[in-house]
Amino acid sequence: LRVLITNTNVPKSTKALVAGVRALRDRYPAVVDGILD
């Protein structure tokens, strides 16, 4: 696979983003589980 990688230079935290998805799932488990499926 040929790919073009683009670095937006915007810092982020994997741990914080994962925690955000987990919190969203806690609020709407059926909806988020459908997206994850």
All heavy atoms as atom14 arrays in JSON, in Angstrom:
{
  "sequence": "LRVLITNTNVPKSTKALVAGVRALRDRYPAVVDGILD",
  "atom14_mask": [
    [1, 1, 1, 1, 1, 1, 1, 1, 0, 0, 0, 0, 0, 0],
    [1, 1, 1, 1, 1, 1, 1, 1, 1, 1, 1, 0, 0, 0],
    [1, 1, 1, 1, 1, 1, 1, 0, 0, 0, 0, 0, 0, 0],
    [1, 1, 1, 1, 1, 1, 1, 1, 0, 0, 0, 0, 0, 0],
    [1, 1, 1, 1, 1, 1, 1, 1, 0, 0, 0, 0, 0, 0],
    [1, 1, 1, 1, 1, 1, 1, 0, 0, 0, 0, 0, 0, 0],
    [1, 1, 1, 1, 1, 1, 1, 1, 0, 0, 0, 0, 0, 0],
    [1, 1, 1, 1, 1, 1, 1, 0, 0, 0, 0, 0, 0, 0],
    [1, 1, 1, 1, 1, 1, 1, 1, 0, 0, 0, 0, 0, 0],
    [1, 1, 1, 1, 1, 1, 1, 0, 0, 0, 0, 0, 0, 0],
    [1, 1, 1, 1, 1, 1, 1, 0, 0, 0, 0, 0, 0, 0],
    [1, 1, 1, 1, 1, 1, 1, 1, 1, 0, 0, 0, 0, 0],
    [1, 1, 1, 1, 1, 1, 0, 0, 0, 0, 0, 0, 0, 0],
    [1, 1, 1, 1, 1, 1, 1, 0, 0, 0, 0, 0, 0, 0],
    [1, 1, 1, 1, 1, 1, 1, 1, 1, 0, 0, 0, 0, 0],
    [1, 1, 1, 1, 1, 0, 0, 0, 0, 0, 0, 0, 0, 0],
    [1, 1, 1, 1, 1, 1, 1, 1, 0, 0, 0, 0, 0, 0],
    [1, 1, 1, 1, 1, 1, 1, 0, 0, 0, 0, 0, 0, 0],
    [1, 1, 1, 1, 1, 0, 0, 0, 0, 0, 0, 0, 0, 0],
    [1, 1, 1, 1, 0, 0, 0, 0, 0, 0, 0, 0, 0, 0],
    [1, 1, 1, 1, 1, 1, 1, 0, 0, 0, 0, 0, 0, 0],
    [1, 1, 1, 1, 1, 1, 1, 1, 1, 1, 1, 0, 0, 0],
    [1, 1, 1, 1, 1, 0, 0, 0, 0, 0, 0, 0, 0, 0],
    [1, 1, 1, 1, 1, 1, 1, 1, 0, 0, 0, 0, 0, 0],
    [1, 1, 1, 1, 1, 1, 1, 1, 1, 1, 1, 0, 0, 0],
    [1, 1, 1, 1, 1, 1, 1, 1, 0, 0, 0, 0, 0, 0],
    [1, 1, 1, 1, 1, 1, 1, 1, 1, 1, 1, 0, 0, 0],
    [1, 1, 1, 1, 1, 1, 1, 1, 1, 1, 1, 1, 0, 0],
    [1, 1, 1, 1, 1, 1, 1, 0, 0, 0, 0, 0, 0, 0],
    [1, 1, 1, 1, 1, 0, 0, 0, 0, 0, 0, 0, 0, 0],
    [1, 1, 1, 1, 1, 1, 1, 0, 0, 0, 0, 0, 0, 0],
    [1, 1, 1, 1, 1, 1, 1, 0, 0, 0, 0, 0, 0, 0],
    [1, 1, 1, 1, 1, 1, 1, 1, 0, 0, 0, 0, 0, 0],
    [1, 1, 1, 1, 0, 0, 0, 0, 0, 0, 0, 0, 0, 0],
    [1, 1, 1, 1, 1, 1, 1, 1, 0, 0, 0, 0, 0, 0],
    [1, 1, 1, 1, 1, 1, 1, 1, 0, 0, 0, 0, 0, 0],
    [1, 1, 1, 1, 1, 1, 1, 1, 0, 0, 0, 0, 0, 0]
  ],
  "atom14_positions": [
    [[0.83, -1.19, 0.0], [0.0, 0.0, 0.0], [0.87, 1.25, 0.0], [1.71, 1.44, 0.88], [-0.91, 0.02, 1.24], [-2.02, -1.02, 1.33], [-2.85, -0.77, 2.58], [-2.91, -0.97, 0.1], [0.0, 0.0, 0.0], [0.0, 0.0, 0.0], [0.0, 0.0, 0.0], [0.0, 0.0, 0.0], [0.0, 0.0, 0.0], [0.0, 0.0, 0.0]],
    [[0.66, 2.09, -1.0], [1.31, 3.41, -1.01], [0.45, 4.36, -0.19], [-0.78, 4.42, -0.38], [1.42, 3.95, -2.43], [2.38, 3.23, -3.34], [2.28, 3.8, -4.75], [2.75, 5.19, -4.83], [2.44, 6.02, -5.84], [1.67, 5.61, -6.83], [2.91, 7.25, -5.86], [0.0, 0.0, 0.0], [0.0, 0.0, 0.0], [0.0, 0.0, 0.0]],
    [[1.06, 5.09, 0.68], [0.31, 6.03, 1.5], [1.04, 7.37, 1.59], [2.27, 7.43, 1.49], [0.03, 5.5, 2.92], [-0.84, 4.25, 2.89], [1.33, 5.21, 3.65], [0.0, 0.0, 0.0], [0.0, 0.0, 0.0], [0.0, 0.0, 0.0], [0.0, 0.0, 0.0], [0.0, 0.0, 0.0], [0.0, 0.0, 0.0], [0.0, 0.0, 0.0]],
    [[0.26, 8.41, 1.77], [0.79, 9.73, 2.07], [0.46, 10.02, 3.53], [-0.72, 10.0, 3.91], [0.15, 10.78, 1.16], [0.62, 12.23, 1.38], [2.07, 12.4, 0.92], [-0.3, 13.21, 0.65], [0.0, 0.0, 0.0], [0.0, 0.0, 0.0], [0.0, 0.0, 0.0], [0.0, 0.0, 0.0], [0.0, 0.0, 0.0], [0.0, 0.0, 0.0]],
    [[1.47, 10.24, 4.32], [1.28, 10.57, 5.73], [1.33, 12.09, 5.87], [2.26, 12.74, 5.4], [2.38, 9.95, 6.61], [2.37, 8.43, 6.47], [2.2, 10.36, 8.07], [1.13, 7.75, 6.98], [0.0, 0.0, 0.0], [0.0, 0.0, 0.0], [0.0, 0.0, 0.0], [0.0, 0.0, 0.0], [0.0, 0.0, 0.0], [0.0, 0.0, 0.0]],
    [[0.32, 12.66, 6.5], [0.27, 14.1, 6.73], [0.27, 14.37, 8.23], [-0.66, 13.96, 8.93], [-0.98, 14.73, 6.1], [-0.99, 14.46, 4.7], [-1.0, 16.23, 6.32], [0.0, 0.0, 0.0], [0.0, 0.0, 0.0], [0.0, 0.0, 0.0], [0.0, 0.0, 0.0], [0.0, 0.0, 0.0], [0.0, 0.0, 0.0], [0.0, 0.0, 0.0]],
    [[1.31, 15.03, 8.69], [1.4, 15.41, 10.1], [0.79, 16.79, 10.25], [1.3, 17.78, 9.7], [2.86, 15.41, 10.56], [2.97, 15.58, 12.07], [2.03, 15.98, 12.75], [4.14, 15.29, 12.62], [0.0, 0.0, 0.0], [0.0, 0.0, 0.0], [0.0, 0.0, 0.0], [0.0, 0.0, 0.0], [0.0, 0.0, 0.0], [0.0, 0.0, 0.0]],
    [[-0.31, 16.89, 10.98], [-0.99, 18.17, 11.17], [-0.25, 19.06, 12.15], [-0.57, 20.25, 12.27], [-2.42, 17.95, 11.7], [-2.36, 17.36, 13.01], [-3.21, 17.04, 10.76], [0.0, 0.0, 0.0], [0.0, 0.0, 0.0], [0.0, 0.0, 0.0], [0.0, 0.0, 0.0], [0.0, 0.0, 0.0], [0.0, 0.0, 0.0], [0.0, 0.0, 0.0]],
    [[0.71, 18.49, 12.88], [1.47, 19.21, 13.89], [0.6, 19.66, 15.07], [0.98, 20.58, 15.81], [2.2, 20.42, 13.28], [3.16, 20.03, 12.18], [4.0, 19.16, 12.37], [3.03, 20.65, 11.02], [0.0, 0.0, 0.0], [0.0, 0.0, 0.0], [0.0, 0.0, 0.0], [0.0, 0.0, 0.0], [0.0, 0.0, 0.0], [0.0, 0.0, 0.0]],
    [[-0.55, 19.02, 15.2], [-1.44, 19.31, 16.34], [-1.18, 18.25, 17.41], [-1.39, 17.06, 17.16], [-2.92, 19.29, 15.92], [-3.83, 19.46, 17.13], [-3.19, 20.37, 14.88], [0.0, 0.0, 0.0], [0.0, 0.0, 0.0], [0.0, 0.0, 0.0], [0.0, 0.0, 0.0], [0.0, 0.0, 0.0], [0.0, 0.0, 0.0], [0.0, 0.0, 0.0]],
    [[-0.72, 18.64, 18.59], [-0.45, 17.65, 19.65], [-1.74, 17.04, 20.17], [-2.81, 17.66, 20.14], [0.24, 18.49, 20.73], [-0.24, 19.88, 20.51], [-0.42, 20.02, 19.02], [0.0, 0.0, 0.0], [0.0, 0.0, 0.0], [0.0, 0.0, 0.0], [0.0, 0.0, 0.0], [0.0, 0.0, 0.0], [0.0, 0.0, 0.0], [0.0, 0.0, 0.0]],
    [[-1.64, 15.8, 20.63], [-2.82, 15.11, 21.17], [-2.37, 14.1, 22.21], [-1.2, 13.73, 22.29], [-3.63, 14.46, 20.06], [-2.84, 13.55, 19.12], [-2.83, 12.13, 19.58], [-2.07, 11.24, 18.62], [-2.02, 9.84, 19.09], [0.0, 0.0, 0.0], [0.0, 0.0, 0.0], [0.0, 0.0, 0.0], [0.0, 0.0, 0.0], [0.0, 0.0, 0.0]],
    [[-3.31, 13.62, 22.99], [-3.04, 12.62, 24.02], [-3.9, 11.4, 23.76], [-5.13, 11.47, 23.83], [-3.34, 13.18, 25.41], [-3.37, 12.14, 26.38], [0.0, 0.0, 0.0], [0.0, 0.0, 0.0], [0.0, 0.0, 0.0], [0.0, 0.0, 0.0], [0.0, 0.0, 0.0], [0.0, 0.0, 0.0], [0.0, 0.0, 0.0], [0.0, 0.0, 0.0]],
    [[-3.26, 10.28, 23.43], [-4.0, 9.03, 23.21], [-4.82, 8.66, 24.44], [-6.0, 8.28, 24.34], [-3.03, 7.89, 22.86], [-2.35, 8.22, 21.65], [-3.77, 6.57, 22.69], [0.0, 0.0, 0.0], [0.0, 0.0, 0.0], [0.0, 0.0, 0.0], [0.0, 0.0, 0.0], [0.0, 0.0, 0.0], [0.0, 0.0, 0.0], [0.0, 0.0, 0.0]],
    [[-4.2, 8.8, 25.61], [-4.88, 8.41, 26.85], [-6.16, 9.23, 27.05], [-7.21, 8.69, 27.41], [-3.93, 8.61, 28.03], [-4.43, 8.02, 29.34], [-3.41, 8.21, 30.47], [-2.17, 7.38, 30.23], [-1.24, 7.41, 31.4], [0.0, 0.0, 0.0], [0.0, 0.0, 0.0], [0.0, 0.0, 0.0], [0.0, 0.0, 0.0], [0.0, 0.0, 0.0]],
    [[-6.09, 10.53, 26.79], [-7.26, 11.4, 26.97], [-8.35, 11.08, 25.95], [-9.54, 11.08, 26.28], [-6.84, 12.86, 26.84], [0.0, 0.0, 0.0], [0.0, 0.0, 0.0], [0.0, 0.0, 0.0], [0.0, 0.0, 0.0], [0.0, 0.0, 0.0], [0.0, 0.0, 0.0], [0.0, 0.0, 0.0], [0.0, 0.0, 0.0], [0.0, 0.0, 0.0]],
    [[-7.96, 10.81, 24.7], [-8.94, 10.5, 23.66], [-9.64, 9.17, 23.93], [-10.86, 9.06, 23.75], [-8.25, 10.48, 22.3], [-7.84, 11.86, 21.77], [-6.76, 11.73, 20.72], [-9.06, 12.6, 21.21], [0.0, 0.0, 0.0], [0.0, 0.0, 0.0], [0.0, 0.0, 0.0], [0.0, 0.0, 0.0], [0.0, 0.0, 0.0], [0.0, 0.0, 0.0]],
    [[-8.88, 8.17, 24.37], [-9.47, 6.88, 24.72], [-10.45, 7.05, 25.88], [-11.54, 6.48, 25.88], [-8.38, 5.86, 25.07], [-8.99, 4.59, 25.66], [-7.55, 5.51, 23.83], [0.0, 0.0, 0.0], [0.0, 0.0, 0.0], [0.0, 0.0, 0.0], [0.0, 0.0, 0.0], [0.0, 0.0, 0.0], [0.0, 0.0, 0.0], [0.0, 0.0, 0.0]],
    [[-10.06, 7.86, 26.85], [-10.94, 8.1, 28.0], [-12.23, 8.81, 27.55], [-13.32, 8.52, 28.09], [-10.21, 8.95, 29.04], [0.0, 0.0, 0.0], [0.0, 0.0, 0.0], [0.0, 0.0, 0.0], [0.0, 0.0, 0.0], [0.0, 0.0, 0.0], [0.0, 0.0, 0.0], [0.0, 0.0, 0.0], [0.0, 0.0, 0.0], [0.0, 0.0, 0.0]],
    [[-12.12, 9.71, 26.56], [-13.3, 10.4, 26.06], [-14.28, 9.46, 25.39], [-15.5, 9.57, 25.58], [0.0, 0.0, 0.0], [0.0, 0.0, 0.0], [0.0, 0.0, 0.0], [0.0, 0.0, 0.0], [0.0, 0.0, 0.0], [0.0, 0.0, 0.0], [0.0, 0.0, 0.0], [0.0, 0.0, 0.0], [0.0, 0.0, 0.0], [0.0, 0.0, 0.0]],
    [[-13.76, 8.51, 24.6], [-14.64, 7.52, 23.96], [-15.29, 6.63, 25.01], [-16.47, 6.29, 24.92], [-13.84, 6.68, 22.94], [-14.71, 5.55, 22.38], [-13.33, 7.55, 21.8], [0.0, 0.0, 0.0], [0.0, 0.0, 0.0], [0.0, 0.0, 0.0], [0.0, 0.0, 0.0], [0.0, 0.0, 0.0], [0.0, 0.0, 0.0], [0.0, 0.0, 0.0]],
    [[-14.5, 6.26, 26.02], [-15.05, 5.42, 27.09], [-16.19, 6.14, 27.83], [-17.23, 5.55, 28.13], [-13.95, 5.04, 28.07], [-14.42, 4.05, 29.15], [-13.31, 3.68, 30.11], [-12.25, 2.95, 29.43], [-11.03, 3.42, 29.22], [-10.69, 4.63, 29.64], [-10.13, 2.69, 28.6], [0.0, 0.0, 0.0], [0.0, 0.0, 0.0], [0.0, 0.0, 0.0]],
    [[-16.01, 7.44, 28.08], [-17.05, 8.22, 28.75], [-18.31, 8.32, 27.88], [-19.44, 8.25, 28.38], [-16.52, 9.61, 29.09], [0.0, 0.0, 0.0], [0.0, 0.0, 0.0], [0.0, 0.0, 0.0], [0.0, 0.0, 0.0], [0.0, 0.0, 0.0], [0.0, 0.0, 0.0], [0.0, 0.0, 0.0], [0.0, 0.0, 0.0], [0.0, 0.0, 0.0]],
    [[-18.11, 8.49, 26.56], [-19.25, 8.56, 25.64], [-20.0, 7.24, 25.64], [-21.24, 7.21, 25.63], [-18.74, 8.88, 24.23], [-19.8, 9.15, 23.16], [-20.58, 10.43, 23.48], [-19.15, 9.27, 21.78], [0.0, 0.0, 0.0], [0.0, 0.0, 0.0], [0.0, 0.0, 0.0], [0.0, 0.0, 0.0], [0.0, 0.0, 0.0], [0.0, 0.0, 0.0]],
    [[-19.27, 6.14, 25.67], [-19.9, 4.82, 25.7], [-20.67, 4.6, 27.0], [-21.72, 3.97, 27.02], [-18.85, 3.72, 25.53], [-19.45, 2.32, 25.47], [-18.38, 1.26, 25.26], [-18.98, -0.06, 25.14], [-19.26, -0.84, 26.21], [-19.0, -0.4, 27.42], [-19.8, -2.02, 26.03], [0.0, 0.0, 0.0], [0.0, 0.0, 0.0], [0.0, 0.0, 0.0]],
    [[-20.13, 5.12, 28.1], [-20.83, 5.0, 29.37], [-22.19, 5.71, 29.33], [-23.16, 5.25, 29.95], [-19.99, 5.58, 30.51], [-18.77, 4.72, 30.85], [-18.77, 3.52, 30.47], [-17.82, 5.24, 31.47], [0.0, 0.0, 0.0], [0.0, 0.0, 0.0], [0.0, 0.0, 0.0], [0.0, 0.0, 0.0], [0.0, 0.0, 0.0], [0.0, 0.0, 0.0]],
    [[-22.25, 6.81, 28.57], [-23.51, 7.57, 28.48], [-24.48, 6.95, 27.48], [-25.69, 6.95, 27.69], [-23.23, 9.03, 28.1], [-22.45, 9.81, 29.14], [-22.55, 11.32, 28.92], [-22.03, 11.75, 27.63], [-20.74, 12.03, 27.41], [-19.85, 11.9, 28.39], [-20.33, 12.43, 26.21], [0.0, 0.0, 0.0], [0.0, 0.0, 0.0], [0.0, 0.0, 0.0]],
    [[-23.94, 6.45, 26.36], [-24.79, 5.91, 25.29], [-24.26, 4.55, 24.84], [-23.78, 4.4, 23.71], [-24.81, 6.88, 24.1], [-25.13, 8.3, 24.48], [-24.12, 9.26, 24.53], [-26.43, 8.69, 24.8], [-24.39, 10.57, 24.88], [-26.72, 9.99, 25.16], [-25.7, 10.93, 25.2], [-25.98, 12.23, 25.55], [0.0, 0.0, 0.0], [0.0, 0.0, 0.0]],
    [[-24.34, 3.55, 25.7], [-23.71, 2.26, 25.37], [-24.23, 1.61, 24.1], [-23.44, 1.11, 23.29], [-24.01, 1.4, 26.6], [-25.16, 2.08, 27.29], [-24.99, 3.54, 27.01], [0.0, 0.0, 0.0], [0.0, 0.0, 0.0], [0.0, 0.0, 0.0], [0.0, 0.0, 0.0], [0.0, 0.0, 0.0], [0.0, 0.0, 0.0], [0.0, 0.0, 0.0]],
    [[-25.53, 1.61, 23.88], [-26.08, 0.95, 22.7], [-25.63, 1.65, 21.42], [-25.28, 0.99, 20.42], [-27.61, 0.91, 22.78], [0.0, 0.0, 0.0], [0.0, 0.0, 0.0], [0.0, 0.0, 0.0], [0.0, 0.0, 0.0], [0.0, 0.0, 0.0], [0.0, 0.0, 0.0], [0.0, 0.0, 0.0], [0.0, 0.0, 0.0], [0.0, 0.0, 0.0]],
    [[-25.61, 2.97, 21.43], [-25.23, 3.74, 20.25], [-23.74, 3.53, 19.93], [-23.37, 3.23, 18.8], [-25.51, 5.25, 20.47], [-24.96, 6.06, 19.29], [-27.0, 5.5, 20.63], [0.0, 0.0, 0.0], [0.0, 0.0, 0.0], [0.0, 0.0, 0.0], [0.0, 0.0, 0.0], [0.0, 0.0, 0.0], [0.0, 0.0, 0.0], [0.0, 0.0, 0.0]],
    [[-22.9, 3.7, 20.94], [-21.46, 3.59, 20.73], [-21.08, 2.16, 20.37], [-20.22, 1.94, 19.51], [-20.68, 4.1, 21.96], [-19.19, 3.83, 21.8], [-20.93, 5.59, 22.15], [0.0, 0.0, 0.0], [0.0, 0.0, 0.0], [0.0, 0.0, 0.0], [0.0, 0.0, 0.0], [0.0, 0.0, 0.0], [0.0, 0.0, 0.0], [0.0, 0.0, 0.0]],
    [[-21.71, 1.19, 21.0], [-21.41, -0.21, 20.66], [-21.75, -0.5, 19.2], [-21.03, -1.26, 18.52], [-22.19, -1.17, 21.58], [-21.55, -1.3, 22.95], [-20.41, -0.83, 23.13], [-22.2, -1.86, 23.85], [0.0, 0.0, 0.0], [0.0, 0.0, 0.0], [0.0, 0.0, 0.0], [0.0, 0.0, 0.0], [0.0, 0.0, 0.0], [0.0, 0.0, 0.0]],
    [[-22.8, 0.11, 18.7], [-23.16, -0.07, 17.29], [-22.09, 0.49, 16.37], [-21.73, -0.12, 15.35], [0.0, 0.0, 0.0], [0.0, 0.0, 0.0], [0.0, 0.0, 0.0], [0.0, 0.0, 0.0], [0.0, 0.0, 0.0], [0.0, 0.0, 0.0], [0.0, 0.0, 0.0], [0.0, 0.0, 0.0], [0.0, 0.0, 0.0], [0.0, 0.0, 0.0]],
    [[-21.55, 1.66, 16.73], [-20.48, 2.27, 15.94], [-19.23, 1.39, 15.98], [-18.58, 1.15, 14.96], [-20.16, 3.69, 16.46], [-21.36, 4.6, 16.26], [-18.93, 4.26, 15.75], [-21.24, 5.95, 16.94], [0.0, 0.0, 0.0], [0.0, 0.0, 0.0], [0.0, 0.0, 0.0], [0.0, 0.0, 0.0], [0.0, 0.0, 0.0], [0.0, 0.0, 0.0]],
    [[-18.9, 0.9, 17.18], [-17.71, 0.06, 17.33], [-17.87, -1.26, 16.57], [-16.9, -1.77, 15.99], [-17.44, -0.21, 18.81], [-17.06, 1.02, 19.65], [-16.91, 0.64, 21.12], [-15.77, 1.65, 19.13], [0.0, 0.0, 0.0], [0.0, 0.0, 0.0], [0.0, 0.0, 0.0], [0.0, 0.0, 0.0], [0.0, 0.0, 0.0], [0.0, 0.0, 0.0]],
    [[-19.09, -1.79, 16.54], [-19.34, -3.01, 15.76], [-19.12, -2.75, 14.27], [-18.58, -3.61, 13.55], [-20.77, -3.5, 15.98], [-20.97, -4.14, 17.36], [-19.95, -4.51, 18.0], [-22.13, -4.27, 17.8], [0.0, 0.0, 0.0], [0.0, 0.0, 0.0], [0.0, 0.0, 0.0], [0.0, 0.0, 0.0], [0.0, 0.0, 0.0], [0.0, 0.0, 0.0]]
  ]
}
